[in-house]
Amino acid sequence: MRTLNDYFITAKIADISTASSTFVAVPDGGKIIKIITALQGAISGGNAAISFEIGGTAVTGGGITVAHSGSAAGDVDTAIPTAANEVAEDGTIEMITDGGSTGAKILYVTFIIRR
């Protein structure tokens, strides 16, 4: 159940098939309680592993694997972080893709943060 203390940040990984890091700004402090991704097209060749870090520390339970087998635009994956998920006002969340797949596809990531 969402409360008035929850807010949402949506960010974009431009190409999940190329190993890279993308940073998203955090406007208010809180804890990441859920991460949701939406794939914008089919990938192939292997799975894409997506991880998240705050201040260089991996978000525990925050990893997402975007499966290549049967992938298609609109595929959704989720993670429920369990620790190391506290964000500070005016901080950043780093989104990291390992580039394990092929096919240059966008991945949108939505963070649900509870103040």
PDB file of N, CA and C in Angstrom:
ATOM      1  N   MET A   1       0.836  -1.179   0.000  1.00  0.00           N
ATOM      2  CA  MET A   1       0.000   0.000   0.000  1.00  0.00           C
ATOM      3  C   MET A   1       0.881   1.243   0.000  1.00  0.00           C
ATOM      4  N   ARG A   2       0.582   2.174  -0.853  1.00  0.00           N
ATOM      5  CA  ARG A   2       1.323   3.435  -0.928  1.00  0.00           C
ATOM      6  C   ARG A   2       0.771   4.409   0.091  1.00  0.00           C
ATOM      7  N   THR A   3       1.664   5.214   0.641  1.00  0.00           N
ATOM      8  CA  THR A   3       1.265   6.248   1.589  1.00  0.00           C
ATOM      9  C   THR A   3       1.666   7.604   1.035  1.00  0.00           C
ATOM     10  N   LEU A   4       1.241   8.661   1.692  1.00  0.00           N
ATOM     11  CA  LEU A   4       1.638  10.007   1.290  1.00  0.00           C
ATOM     12  C   LEU A   4       3.127  10.233   1.509  1.00  0.00           C
ATOM     13  N   ASN A   5       3.760   9.335   2.239  1.00  0.00           N
ATOM     14  CA  ASN A   5       5.201   9.436   2.472  1.00  0.00           C
ATOM     15  C   ASN A   5       6.021   8.796   1.363  1.00  0.00           C
ATOM     16  N   ASP A   6       5.377   8.178   0.384  1.00  0.00           N
ATOM     17  CA  ASP A   6       6.081   7.552  -0.734  1.00  0.00           C
ATOM     18  C   ASP A   6       6.193   8.542  -1.890  1.00  0.00           C
ATOM     19  N   TYR A   7       7.330   8.513  -2.562  1.00  0.00           N
ATOM     20  CA  TYR A   7       7.461   9.258  -3.805  1.00  0.00           C
ATOM     21  C   TYR A   7       8.193   8.403  -4.815  1.00  0.00           C
ATOM     22  N   PHE A   8       8.144   8.824  -6.071  1.00  0.00           N
ATOM     23  CA  PHE A   8       8.632   8.004  -7.168  1.00  0.00           C
ATOM     24  C   PHE A   8       9.644   8.779  -8.002  1.00  0.00           C
ATOM     25  N   ILE A   9      10.690   8.082  -8.405  1.00  0.00           N
ATOM     26  CA  ILE A   9      11.671   8.641  -9.334  1.00  0.00           C
ATOM     27  C   ILE A   9      11.756   7.656 -10.496  1.00  0.00           C
ATOM     28  N   THR A  10      11.616   8.165 -11.713  1.00  0.00           N
ATOM     29  CA  THR A  10      11.801   7.322 -12.891  1.00  0.00           C
ATOM     30  C   THR A  10      13.025   7.815 -13.648  1.00  0.00           C
ATOM     31  N   ALA A  11      13.883   6.882 -14.009  1.00  0.00           N
ATOM     32  CA  ALA A  11      15.132   7.195 -14.708  1.00  0.00           C
ATOM     33  C   ALA A  11      15.286   6.239 -15.882  1.00  0.00           C
ATOM     34  N   LYS A  12      16.240   6.551 -16.755  1.00  0.00           N
ATOM     35  CA  LYS A  12      16.422   5.770 -17.979  1.00  0.00           C
ATOM     36  C   LYS A  12      17.861   5.287 -18.091  1.00  0.00           C
ATOM     37  N   ILE A  13      18.005   3.995 -18.383  1.00  0.00           N
ATOM     38  CA  ILE A  13      19.287   3.449 -18.814  1.00  0.00           C
ATOM     39  C   ILE A  13      19.187   3.396 -20.331  1.00  0.00           C
ATOM     40  N   ALA A  14      20.020   4.152 -21.018  1.00  0.00           N
ATOM     41  CA  ALA A  14      19.894   4.337 -22.469  1.00  0.00           C
ATOM     42  C   ALA A  14      20.113   3.051 -23.261  1.00  0.00           C
ATOM     43  N   ASP A  15      20.970   2.147 -22.760  1.00  0.00           N
ATOM     44  CA  ASP A  15      21.271   0.907 -23.483  1.00  0.00           C
ATOM     45  C   ASP A  15      21.704  -0.145 -22.472  1.00  0.00           C
ATOM     46  N   ILE A  16      20.811  -1.065 -22.140  1.00  0.00           N
ATOM     47  CA  ILE A  16      21.169  -2.063 -21.122  1.00  0.00           C
ATOM     48  C   ILE A  16      22.168  -3.093 -21.648  1.00  0.00           C
ATOM     49  N   SER A  17      22.412  -3.107 -22.942  1.00  0.00           N
ATOM     50  CA  SER A  17      23.335  -4.080 -23.517  1.00  0.00           C
ATOM     51  C   SER A  17      24.768  -3.573 -23.594  1.00  0.00           C
ATOM     52  N   THR A  18      25.020  -2.378 -23.105  1.00  0.00           N
ATOM     53  CA  THR A  18      26.370  -1.834 -23.022  1.00  0.00           C
ATOM     54  C   THR A  18      26.702  -1.593 -21.554  1.00  0.00           C
ATOM     55  N   ALA A  19      27.783  -2.185 -21.067  1.00  0.00           N
ATOM     56  CA  ALA A  19      28.167  -1.996 -19.668  1.00  0.00           C
ATOM     57  C   ALA A  19      28.351  -0.509 -19.385  1.00  0.00           C
ATOM     58  N   SER A  20      27.644  -0.028 -18.356  1.00  0.00           N
ATOM     59  CA  SER A  20      27.717   1.399 -18.038  1.00  0.00           C
ATOM     60  C   SER A  20      27.102   1.682 -16.677  1.00  0.00           C
ATOM     61  N   SER A  21      27.313   2.928 -16.225  1.00  0.00           N
ATOM     62  CA  SER A  21      26.677   3.445 -15.016  1.00  0.00           C
ATOM     63  C   SER A  21      25.919   4.705 -15.373  1.00  0.00           C
ATOM     64  N   THR A  22      24.762   4.867 -14.775  1.00  0.00           N
ATOM     65  CA  THR A  22      23.957   6.065 -14.937  1.00  0.00           C
ATOM     66  C   THR A  22      23.525   6.499 -13.545  1.00  0.00           C
ATOM     67  N   PHE A  23      23.605   7.783 -13.273  1.00  0.00           N
ATOM     68  CA  PHE A  23      23.234   8.303 -11.961  1.00  0.00           C
ATOM     69  C   PHE A  23      21.915   9.048 -12.042  1.00  0.00           C
ATOM     70  N   VAL A  24      21.105   8.899 -11.014  1.00  0.00           N
ATOM     71  CA  VAL A  24      19.841   9.624 -10.913  1.00  0.00           C
ATOM     72  C   VAL A  24      19.860  10.413  -9.599  1.00  0.00           C
ATOM     73  N   ALA A  25      19.437  11.673  -9.669  1.00  0.00           N
ATOM     74  CA  ALA A  25      19.413  12.548  -8.493  1.00  0.00           C
ATOM     75  C   ALA A  25      18.226  12.205  -7.592  1.00  0.00           C
ATOM     76  N   VAL A  26      18.449  12.367  -6.287  1.00  0.00           N
ATOM     77  CA  VAL A  26      17.422  12.090  -5.280  1.00  0.00           C
ATOM     78  C   VAL A  26      17.001  13.409  -4.635  1.00  0.00           C
ATOM     79  N   PRO A  27      15.721  13.797  -4.756  1.00  0.00           N
ATOM     80  CA  PRO A  27      15.296  15.091  -4.232  1.00  0.00           C
ATOM     81  C   PRO A  27      15.028  15.126  -2.733  1.00  0.00           C
ATOM     82  N   ASP A  28      14.765  13.963  -2.118  1.00  0.00           N
ATOM     83  CA  ASP A  28      14.394  13.933  -0.710  1.00  0.00           C
ATOM     84  C   ASP A  28      14.885  12.618  -0.112  1.00  0.00           C
ATOM     85  N   GLY A  29      15.256  12.641   1.140  1.00  0.00           N
ATOM     86  CA  GLY A  29      15.768  11.446   1.805  1.00  0.00           C
ATOM     87  C   GLY A  29      14.692  10.396   2.042  1.00  0.00           C
ATOM     88  N   GLY A  30      15.131   9.175   2.265  1.00  0.00           N
ATOM     89  CA  GLY A  30      14.217   8.082   2.570  1.00  0.00           C
ATOM     90  C   GLY A  30      14.859   6.741   2.281  1.00  0.00           C
ATOM     91  N   LYS A  31      14.026   5.715   2.185  1.00  0.00           N
ATOM     92  CA  LYS A  31      14.497   4.364   1.871  1.00  0.00           C
ATOM     93  C   LYS A  31      13.845   3.883   0.597  1.00  0.00           C
ATOM     94  N   ILE A  32      14.658   3.273  -0.264  1.00  0.00           N
ATOM     95  CA  ILE A  32      14.109   2.643  -1.463  1.00  0.00           C
ATOM     96  C   ILE A  32      13.375   1.393  -0.996  1.00  0.00           C
ATOM     97  N   ILE A  33      12.073   1.322  -1.271  1.00  0.00           N
ATOM     98  CA  ILE A  33      11.303   0.157  -0.829  1.00  0.00           C
ATOM     99  C   ILE A  33      10.959  -0.783  -1.983  1.00  0.00           C
ATOM    100  N   LYS A  34      11.081  -0.285  -3.225  1.00  0.00           N
ATOM    101  CA  LYS A  34      10.825  -1.141  -4.383  1.00  0.00           C
ATOM    102  C   LYS A  34      11.489  -0.521  -5.603  1.00  0.00           C
ATOM    103  N   ILE A  35      11.971  -1.384  -6.494  1.00  0.00           N
ATOM    104  CA  ILE A  35      12.534  -0.970  -7.772  1.00  0.00           C
ATOM    105  C   ILE A  35      11.780  -1.731  -8.855  1.00  0.00           C
ATOM    106  N   ILE A  36      11.293  -0.993  -9.864  1.00  0.00           N
ATOM    107  CA  ILE A  36      10.522  -1.591 -10.953  1.00  0.00           C
ATOM    108  C   ILE A  36      11.176  -1.176 -12.268  1.00  0.00           C
ATOM    109  N   THR A  37      11.363  -2.126 -13.179  1.00  0.00           N
ATOM    110  CA  THR A  37      11.937  -1.795 -14.483  1.00  0.00           C
ATOM    111  C   THR A  37      10.963  -2.151 -15.594  1.00  0.00           C
ATOM    112  N   ALA A  38      11.071  -1.415 -16.706  1.00  0.00           N
ATOM    113  CA  ALA A  38      10.259  -1.697 -17.899  1.00  0.00           C
ATOM    114  C   ALA A  38      11.171  -1.669 -19.118  1.00  0.00           C
ATOM    115  N   LEU A  39      11.267  -2.794 -19.790  1.00  0.00           N
ATOM    116  CA  LEU A  39      12.111  -2.953 -20.965  1.00  0.00           C
ATOM    117  C   LEU A  39      11.398  -2.399 -22.198  1.00  0.00           C
ATOM    118  N   GLN A  40      12.159  -1.764 -23.089  1.00  0.00           N
ATOM    119  CA  GLN A  40      11.566  -1.110 -24.247  1.00  0.00           C
ATOM    120  C   GLN A  40      11.724  -1.903 -25.553  1.00  0.00           C
ATOM    121  N   GLY A  41      12.203  -3.120 -25.479  1.00  0.00           N
ATOM    122  CA  GLY A  41      12.327  -3.961 -26.668  1.00  0.00           C
ATOM    123  C   GLY A  41      13.076  -5.231 -26.332  1.00  0.00           C
ATOM    124  N   ALA A  42      13.018  -6.212 -27.205  1.00  0.00           N
ATOM    125  CA  ALA A  42      13.653  -7.503 -26.962  1.00  0.00           C
ATOM    126  C   ALA A  42      15.176  -7.388 -26.958  1.00  0.00           C
ATOM    127  N   ILE A  43      15.809  -8.114 -26.037  1.00  0.00           N
ATOM    128  CA  ILE A  43      17.267  -8.250 -26.009  1.00  0.00           C
ATOM    129  C   ILE A  43      17.600  -9.705 -26.335  1.00  0.00           C
ATOM    130  N   SER A  44      18.866  -9.961 -26.653  1.00  0.00           N
ATOM    131  CA  SER A  44      19.268 -11.327 -26.989  1.00  0.00           C
ATOM    132  C   SER A  44      20.680 -11.575 -26.494  1.00  0.00           C
ATOM    133  N   GLY A  45      21.181 -12.773 -26.720  1.00  0.00           N
ATOM    134  CA  GLY A  45      22.567 -13.104 -26.434  1.00  0.00           C
ATOM    135  C   GLY A  45      22.880 -13.444 -24.997  1.00  0.00           C
ATOM    136  N   GLY A  46      22.128 -12.960 -24.057  1.00  0.00           N
ATOM    137  CA  GLY A  46      22.365 -13.215 -22.639  1.00  0.00           C
ATOM    138  C   GLY A  46      21.502 -12.285 -21.805  1.00  0.00           C
ATOM    139  N   ASN A  47      21.436 -12.579 -20.524  1.00  0.00           N
ATOM    140  CA  ASN A  47      20.673 -11.738 -19.607  1.00  0.00           C
ATOM    141  C   ASN A  47      21.437 -10.451 -19.305  1.00  0.00           C
ATOM    142  N   ALA A  48      20.708  -9.406 -18.970  1.00  0.00           N
ATOM    143  CA  ALA A  48      21.315  -8.147 -18.527  1.00  0.00           C
ATOM    144  C   ALA A  48      21.135  -8.048 -17.013  1.00  0.00           C
ATOM    145  N   ALA A  49      22.238  -7.970 -16.293  1.00  0.00           N
ATOM    146  CA  ALA A  49      22.194  -7.823 -14.836  1.00  0.00           C
ATOM    147  C   ALA A  49      22.256  -6.339 -14.496  1.00  0.00           C
ATOM    148  N   ILE A  50      21.274  -5.875 -13.730  1.00  0.00           N
ATOM    149  CA  ILE A  50      21.195  -4.481 -13.338  1.00  0.00           C
ATOM    150  C   ILE A  50      21.364  -4.427 -11.824  1.00  0.00           C
ATOM    151  N   SER A  51      22.301  -3.605 -11.366  1.00  0.00           N
ATOM    152  CA  SER A  51      22.494  -3.425  -9.927  1.00  0.00           C
ATOM    153  C   SER A  51      22.413  -1.940  -9.605  1.00  0.00           C
ATOM    154  N   PHE A  52      22.291  -1.657  -8.317  1.00  0.00           N
ATOM    155  CA  PHE A  52      22.105  -0.286  -7.864  1.00  0.00           C
ATOM    156  C   PHE A  52      23.007  -0.032  -6.667  1.00  0.00           C
ATOM    157  N   GLU A  53      23.603   1.158  -6.644  1.00  0.00           N
ATOM    158  CA  GLU A  53      24.493   1.534  -5.539  1.00  0.00           C
ATOM    159  C   GLU A  53      24.141   2.921  -5.032  1.00  0.00           C
ATOM    160  N   ILE A  54      24.367   3.098  -3.749  1.00  0.00           N
ATOM    161  CA  ILE A  54      24.229   4.401  -3.105  1.00  0.00           C
ATOM    162  C   ILE A  54      25.569   4.692  -2.450  1.00  0.00           C
ATOM    163  N   GLY A  55      26.229   5.735  -2.898  1.00  0.00           N
ATOM    164  CA  GLY A  55      27.536   6.087  -2.335  1.00  0.00           C
ATOM    165  C   GLY A  55      28.568   4.991  -2.475  1.00  0.00           C
ATOM    166  N   GLY A  56      28.495   4.221  -3.558  1.00  0.00           N
ATOM    167  CA  GLY A  56      29.468   3.156  -3.795  1.00  0.00           C
ATOM    168  C   GLY A  56      29.145   1.843  -3.102  1.00  0.00           C
ATOM    169  N   THR A  57      28.032   1.770  -2.376  1.00  0.00           N
ATOM    170  CA  THR A  57      27.624   0.549  -1.678  1.00  0.00           C
ATOM    171  C   THR A  57      26.416  -0.053  -2.374  1.00  0.00           C
ATOM    172  N   ALA A  58      26.494  -1.333  -2.685  1.00  0.00           N
ATOM    173  CA  ALA A  58      25.399  -2.019  -3.374  1.00  0.00           C
ATOM    174  C   ALA A  58      24.146  -2.049  -2.508  1.00  0.00           C
ATOM    175  N   VAL A  59      23.000  -1.807  -3.133  1.00  0.00           N
ATOM    176  CA  VAL A  59      21.708  -1.905  -2.460  1.00  0.00           C
ATOM    177  C   VAL A  59      21.405  -3.397  -2.288  1.00  0.00           C
ATOM    178  N   THR A  60      21.293  -3.848  -1.050  1.00  0.00           N
ATOM    179  CA  THR A  60      21.047  -5.255  -0.760  1.00  0.00           C
ATOM    180  C   THR A  60      19.648  -5.646  -1.222  1.00  0.00           C
ATOM    181  N   GLY A  61      19.573  -6.709  -2.007  1.00  0.00           N
ATOM    182  CA  GLY A  61      18.286  -7.180  -2.516  1.00  0.00           C
ATOM    183  C   GLY A  61      17.757  -6.342  -3.666  1.00  0.00           C
ATOM    184  N   GLY A  62      18.607  -5.461  -4.199  1.00  0.00           N
ATOM    185  CA  GLY A  62      18.159  -4.563  -5.258  1.00  0.00           C
ATOM    186  C   GLY A  62      18.505  -5.004  -6.660  1.00  0.00           C
ATOM    187  N   GLY A  63      19.183  -6.116  -6.812  1.00  0.00           N
ATOM    188  CA  GLY A  63      19.587  -6.555  -8.144  1.00  0.00           C
ATOM    189  C   GLY A  63      18.417  -7.051  -8.974  1.00  0.00           C
ATOM    190  N   ILE A  64      18.488  -6.755 -10.267  1.00  0.00           N
ATOM    191  CA  ILE A  64      17.448  -7.204 -11.194  1.00  0.00           C
ATOM    192  C   ILE A  64      18.119  -7.872 -12.387  1.00  0.00           C
ATOM    193  N   THR A  65      17.591  -9.024 -12.783  1.00  0.00           N
ATOM    194  CA  THR A  65      18.043  -9.685 -14.000  1.00  0.00           C
ATOM    195  C   THR A  65      16.961  -9.531 -15.055  1.00  0.00           C
ATOM    196  N   VAL A  66      17.325  -8.906 -16.173  1.00  0.00           N
ATOM    197  CA  VAL A  66      16.408  -8.781 -17.300  1.00  0.00           C
ATOM    198  C   VAL A  66      16.727  -9.959 -18.224  1.00  0.00           C
ATOM    199  N   ALA A  67      15.830 -10.917 -18.271  1.00  0.00           N
ATOM    200  CA  ALA A  67      16.060 -12.146 -19.034  1.00  0.00           C
ATOM    201  C   ALA A  67      15.941 -11.884 -20.533  1.00  0.00           C
ATOM    202  N   HIS A  68      16.874 -12.466 -21.278  1.00  0.00           N
ATOM    203  CA  HIS A  68      16.817 -12.308 -22.736  1.00  0.00           C
ATOM    204  C   HIS A  68      15.831 -13.288 -23.378  1.00  0.00           C
ATOM    205  N   SER A  69      15.695 -14.466 -22.804  1.00  0.00           N
ATOM    206  CA  SER A  69      14.814 -15.487 -23.378  1.00  0.00           C
ATOM    207  C   SER A  69      13.361 -15.025 -23.291  1.00  0.00           C
ATOM    208  N   GLY A  70      12.733 -14.852 -24.440  1.00  0.00           N
ATOM    209  CA  GLY A  70      11.342 -14.429 -24.480  1.00  0.00           C
ATOM    210  C   GLY A  70      11.119 -12.962 -24.164  1.00  0.00           C
ATOM    211  N   SER A  71      12.205 -12.181 -24.130  1.00  0.00           N
ATOM    212  CA  SER A  71      12.053 -10.766 -23.778  1.00  0.00           C
ATOM    213  C   SER A  71      11.293 -10.013 -24.864  1.00  0.00           C
ATOM    214  N   ALA A  72      10.614  -8.954 -24.422  1.00  0.00           N
ATOM    215  CA  ALA A  72       9.830  -8.133 -25.349  1.00  0.00           C
ATOM    216  C   ALA A  72       9.601  -6.768 -24.733  1.00  0.00           C
ATOM    217  N   ALA A  73       9.238  -5.824 -25.567  1.00  0.00           N
ATOM    218  CA  ALA A  73       8.882  -4.503 -25.063  1.00  0.00           C
ATOM    219  C   ALA A  73       7.769  -4.643 -24.034  1.00  0.00           C
ATOM    220  N   GLY A  74       7.923  -3.947 -22.931  1.00  0.00           N
ATOM    221  CA  GLY A  74       6.915  -3.981 -21.880  1.00  0.00           C
ATOM    222  C   GLY A  74       7.186  -4.973 -20.773  1.00  0.00           C
ATOM    223  N   ASP A  75       8.260  -5.775 -20.883  1.00  0.00           N
ATOM    224  CA  ASP A  75       8.600  -6.699 -19.803  1.00  0.00           C
ATOM    225  C   ASP A  75       8.931  -5.915 -18.539  1.00  0.00           C
ATOM    226  N   VAL A  76       8.378  -6.366 -17.420  1.00  0.00           N
ATOM    227  CA  VAL A  76       8.575  -5.707 -16.130  1.00  0.00           C
ATOM    228  C   VAL A  76       9.286  -6.660 -15.182  1.00  0.00           C
ATOM    229  N   ASP A  77      10.273  -6.132 -14.471  1.00  0.00           N
ATOM    230  CA  ASP A  77      10.957  -6.871 -13.411  1.00  0.00           C
ATOM    231  C   ASP A  77      10.967  -5.997 -12.163  1.00  0.00           C
ATOM    232  N   THR A  78      10.999  -6.624 -10.990  1.00  0.00           N
ATOM    233  CA  THR A  78      10.985  -5.861  -9.739  1.00  0.00           C
ATOM    234  C   THR A  78      11.990  -6.406  -8.743  1.00  0.00           C
ATOM    235  N   ALA A  79      12.351  -5.564  -7.796  1.00  0.00           N
ATOM    236  CA  ALA A  79      13.198  -5.969  -6.673  1.00  0.00           C
ATOM    237  C   ALA A  79      12.704  -5.240  -5.428  1.00  0.00           C
ATOM    238  N   ILE A  80      12.853  -5.894  -4.285  1.00  0.00           N
ATOM    239  CA  ILE A  80      12.499  -5.310  -2.993  1.00  0.00           C
ATOM    240  C   ILE A  80      13.772  -5.227  -2.163  1.00  0.00           C
ATOM    241  N   PRO A  81      14.409  -4.059  -2.109  1.00  0.00           N
ATOM    242  CA  PRO A  81      15.641  -3.927  -1.326  1.00  0.00           C
ATOM    243  C   PRO A  81      15.407  -4.220   0.160  1.00  0.00           C
ATOM    244  N   THR A  82      16.418  -4.827   0.789  1.00  0.00           N
ATOM    245  CA  THR A  82      16.292  -5.208   2.194  1.00  0.00           C
ATOM    246  C   THR A  82      17.262  -4.474   3.116  1.00  0.00           C
ATOM    247  N   ALA A  83      18.312  -3.884   2.564  1.00  0.00           N
ATOM    248  CA  ALA A  83      19.293  -3.155   3.385  1.00  0.00           C
ATOM    249  C   ALA A  83      20.137  -2.280   2.460  1.00  0.00           C
ATOM    250  N   ALA A  84      20.930  -1.396   3.048  1.00  0.00           N
ATOM    251  CA  ALA A  84      21.783  -0.459   2.305  1.00  0.00           C
ATOM    252  C   ALA A  84      20.966   0.294   1.266  1.00  0.00           C
ATOM    253  N   ASN A  85      19.726   0.659   1.635  1.00  0.00           N
ATOM    254  CA  ASN A  85      18.790   1.284   0.707  1.00  0.00           C
ATOM    255  C   ASN A  85      18.382   2.697   1.128  1.00  0.00           C
ATOM    256  N   GLU A  86      19.119   3.299   2.042  1.00  0.00           N
ATOM    257  CA  GLU A  86      18.810   4.649   2.523  1.00  0.00           C
ATOM    258  C   GLU A  86      19.436   5.691   1.604  1.00  0.00           C
ATOM    259  N   VAL A  87      18.606   6.607   1.095  1.00  0.00           N
ATOM    260  CA  VAL A  87      19.082   7.680   0.230  1.00  0.00           C
ATOM    261  C   VAL A  87      18.999   9.006   0.973  1.00  0.00           C
ATOM    262  N   ALA A  88      19.951   9.878   0.665  1.00  0.00           N
ATOM    263  CA  ALA A  88      19.991  11.192   1.303  1.00  0.00           C
ATOM    264  C   ALA A  88      19.457  12.251   0.346  1.00  0.00           C
ATOM    265  N   GLU A  89      18.860  13.277   0.906  1.00  0.00           N
ATOM    266  CA  GLU A  89      18.422  14.409   0.100  1.00  0.00           C
ATOM    267  C   GLU A  89      19.600  14.964  -0.684  1.00  0.00           C
ATOM    268  N   ASP A  90      19.378  15.264  -1.951  1.00  0.00           N
ATOM    269  CA  ASP A  90      20.399  15.766  -2.867  1.00  0.00           C
ATOM    270  C   ASP A  90      21.513  14.757  -3.139  1.00  0.00           C
ATOM    271  N   GLY A  91      21.241  13.476  -2.899  1.00  0.00           N
ATOM    272  CA  GLY A  91      22.198  12.422  -3.210  1.00  0.00           C
ATOM    273  C   GLY A  91      21.908  11.826  -4.582  1.00  0.00           C
ATOM    274  N   THR A  92      22.524  10.681  -4.847  1.00  0.00           N
ATOM    275  CA  THR A  92      22.293   9.986  -6.110  1.00  0.00           C
ATOM    276  C   THR A  92      22.147   8.491  -5.890  1.00  0.00           C
ATOM    277  N   ILE A  93      21.503   7.856  -6.855  1.00  0.00           N
ATOM    278  CA  ILE A  93      21.452   6.398  -6.941  1.00  0.00           C
ATOM    279  C   ILE A  93      22.144   6.050  -8.252  1.00  0.00           C
ATOM    280  N   GLU A  94      23.094   5.110  -8.175  1.00  0.00           N
ATOM    281  CA  GLU A  94      23.795   4.672  -9.378  1.00  0.00           C
ATOM    282  C   GLU A  94      23.115   3.417  -9.920  1.00  0.00           C
ATOM    283  N   MET A  95      22.801   3.432 -11.205  1.00  0.00           N
ATOM    284  CA  MET A  95      22.222   2.284 -11.892  1.00  0.00           C
ATOM    285  C   MET A  95      23.321   1.692 -12.772  1.00  0.00           C
ATOM    286  N   ILE A  96      23.605   0.404 -12.597  1.00  0.00           N
ATOM    287  CA  ILE A  96      24.730  -0.223 -13.283  1.00  0.00           C
ATOM    288  C   ILE A  96      24.215  -1.411 -14.094  1.00  0.00           C
ATOM    289  N   THR A  97      24.590  -1.448 -15.382  1.00  0.00           N
ATOM    290  CA  THR A  97      24.285  -2.606 -16.211  1.00  0.00           C
ATOM    291  C   THR A  97      25.586  -3.289 -16.592  1.00  0.00           C
ATOM    292  N   ASP A  98      25.571  -4.617 -16.588  1.00  0.00           N
ATOM    293  CA  ASP A  98      26.796  -5.370 -16.889  1.00  0.00           C
ATOM    294  C   ASP A  98      27.031  -5.552 -18.384  1.00  0.00           C
ATOM    295  N   GLY A  99      26.066  -5.170 -19.223  1.00  0.00           N
ATOM    296  CA  GLY A  99      26.232  -5.312 -20.664  1.00  0.00           C
ATOM    297  C   GLY A  99      26.210  -6.750 -21.133  1.00  0.00           C
ATOM    298  N   GLY A 100      25.573  -7.634 -20.384  1.00  0.00           N
ATOM    299  CA  GLY A 100      25.572  -9.054 -20.713  1.00  0.00           C
ATOM    300  C   GLY A 100      24.689  -9.454 -21.881  1.00  0.00           C
ATOM    301  N   SER A 101      23.846  -8.539 -22.322  1.00  0.00           N
ATOM    302  CA  SER A 101      22.937  -8.850 -23.424  1.00  0.00           C
ATOM    303  C   SER A 101      23.394  -8.154 -24.705  1.00  0.00           C
ATOM    304  N   THR A 102      22.682  -8.420 -25.794  1.00  0.00           N
ATOM    305  CA  THR A 102      22.912  -7.688 -27.042  1.00  0.00           C
ATOM    306  C   THR A 102      21.591  -7.082 -27.481  1.00  0.00           C
ATOM    307  N   GLY A 103      21.698  -6.027 -28.263  1.00  0.00           N
ATOM    308  CA  GLY A 103      20.510  -5.289 -28.693  1.00  0.00           C
ATOM    309  C   GLY A 103      20.387  -4.025 -27.861  1.00  0.00           C
ATOM    310  N   ALA A 104      20.615  -2.899 -28.472  1.00  0.00           N
ATOM    311  CA  ALA A 104      20.601  -1.616 -27.757  1.00  0.00           C
ATOM    312  C   ALA A 104      19.166  -1.231 -27.414  1.00  0.00           C
ATOM    313  N   LYS A 105      18.749  -1.544 -26.202  1.00  0.00           N
ATOM    314  CA  LYS A 105      17.380  -1.252 -25.756  1.00  0.00           C
ATOM    315  C   LYS A 105      17.400  -0.391 -24.502  1.00  0.00           C
ATOM    316  N   ILE A 106      16.417   0.478 -24.405  1.00  0.00           N
ATOM    317  CA  ILE A 106      16.240   1.346 -23.241  1.00  0.00           C
ATOM    318  C   ILE A 106      15.578   0.544 -22.125  1.00  0.00           C
ATOM    319  N   LEU A 107      15.987   0.836 -20.892  1.00  0.00           N
ATOM    320  CA  LEU A 107      15.328   0.277 -19.714  1.00  0.00           C
ATOM    321  C   LEU A 107      14.936   1.443 -18.815  1.00  0.00           C
ATOM    322  N   TYR A 108      13.644   1.583 -18.542  1.00  0.00           N
ATOM    323  CA  TYR A 108      13.188   2.591 -17.583  1.00  0.00           C
ATOM    324  C   TYR A 108      13.155   1.953 -16.203  1.00  0.00           C
ATOM    325  N   VAL A 109      13.607   2.705 -15.210  1.00  0.00           N
ATOM    326  CA  VAL A 109      13.680   2.229 -13.833  1.00  0.00           C
ATOM    327  C   VAL A 109      12.894   3.193 -12.962  1.00  0.00           C
ATOM    328  N   THR A 110      11.967   2.658 -12.176  1.00  0.00           N
ATOM    329  CA  THR A 110      11.218   3.470 -11.226  1.00  0.00           C
ATOM    330  C   THR A 110      11.592   3.036  -9.818  1.00  0.00           C
ATOM    331  N   PHE A 111      11.973   4.015  -9.006  1.00  0.00           N
ATOM    332  CA  PHE A 111      12.294   3.785  -7.603  1.00  0.00           C
ATOM    333  C   PHE A 111      11.123   4.296  -6.771  1.00  0.00           C
ATOM    334  N   ILE A 112      10.645   3.465  -5.849  1.00  0.00           N
ATOM    335  CA  ILE A 112       9.662   3.913  -4.881  1.00  0.00           C
ATOM    336  C   ILE A 112      10.425   4.165  -3.584  1.00  0.00           C
ATOM    337  N   ILE A 113      10.367   5.394  -3.119  1.00  0.00           N
ATOM    338  CA  ILE A 113      11.119   5.794  -1.935  1.00  0.00           C
ATOM    339  C   ILE A 113      10.147   6.257  -0.859  1.00  0.00           C
ATOM    340  N   ARG A 114      10.328   5.738   0.337  1.00  0.00           N
ATOM    341  CA  ARG A 114       9.492   6.108   1.477  1.00  0.00           C
ATOM    342  C   ARG A 114      10.275   7.043   2.389  1.00  0.00           C
ATOM    343  N   ARG A 115       9.708   8.224   2.621  1.00  0.00           N
ATOM    344  CA  ARG A 115      10.328   9.227   3.513  1.00  0.00           C
ATOM    345  C   ARG A 115      10.286   8.746   4.943  1.00  0.00           C
TER     346      ARG A 115
END
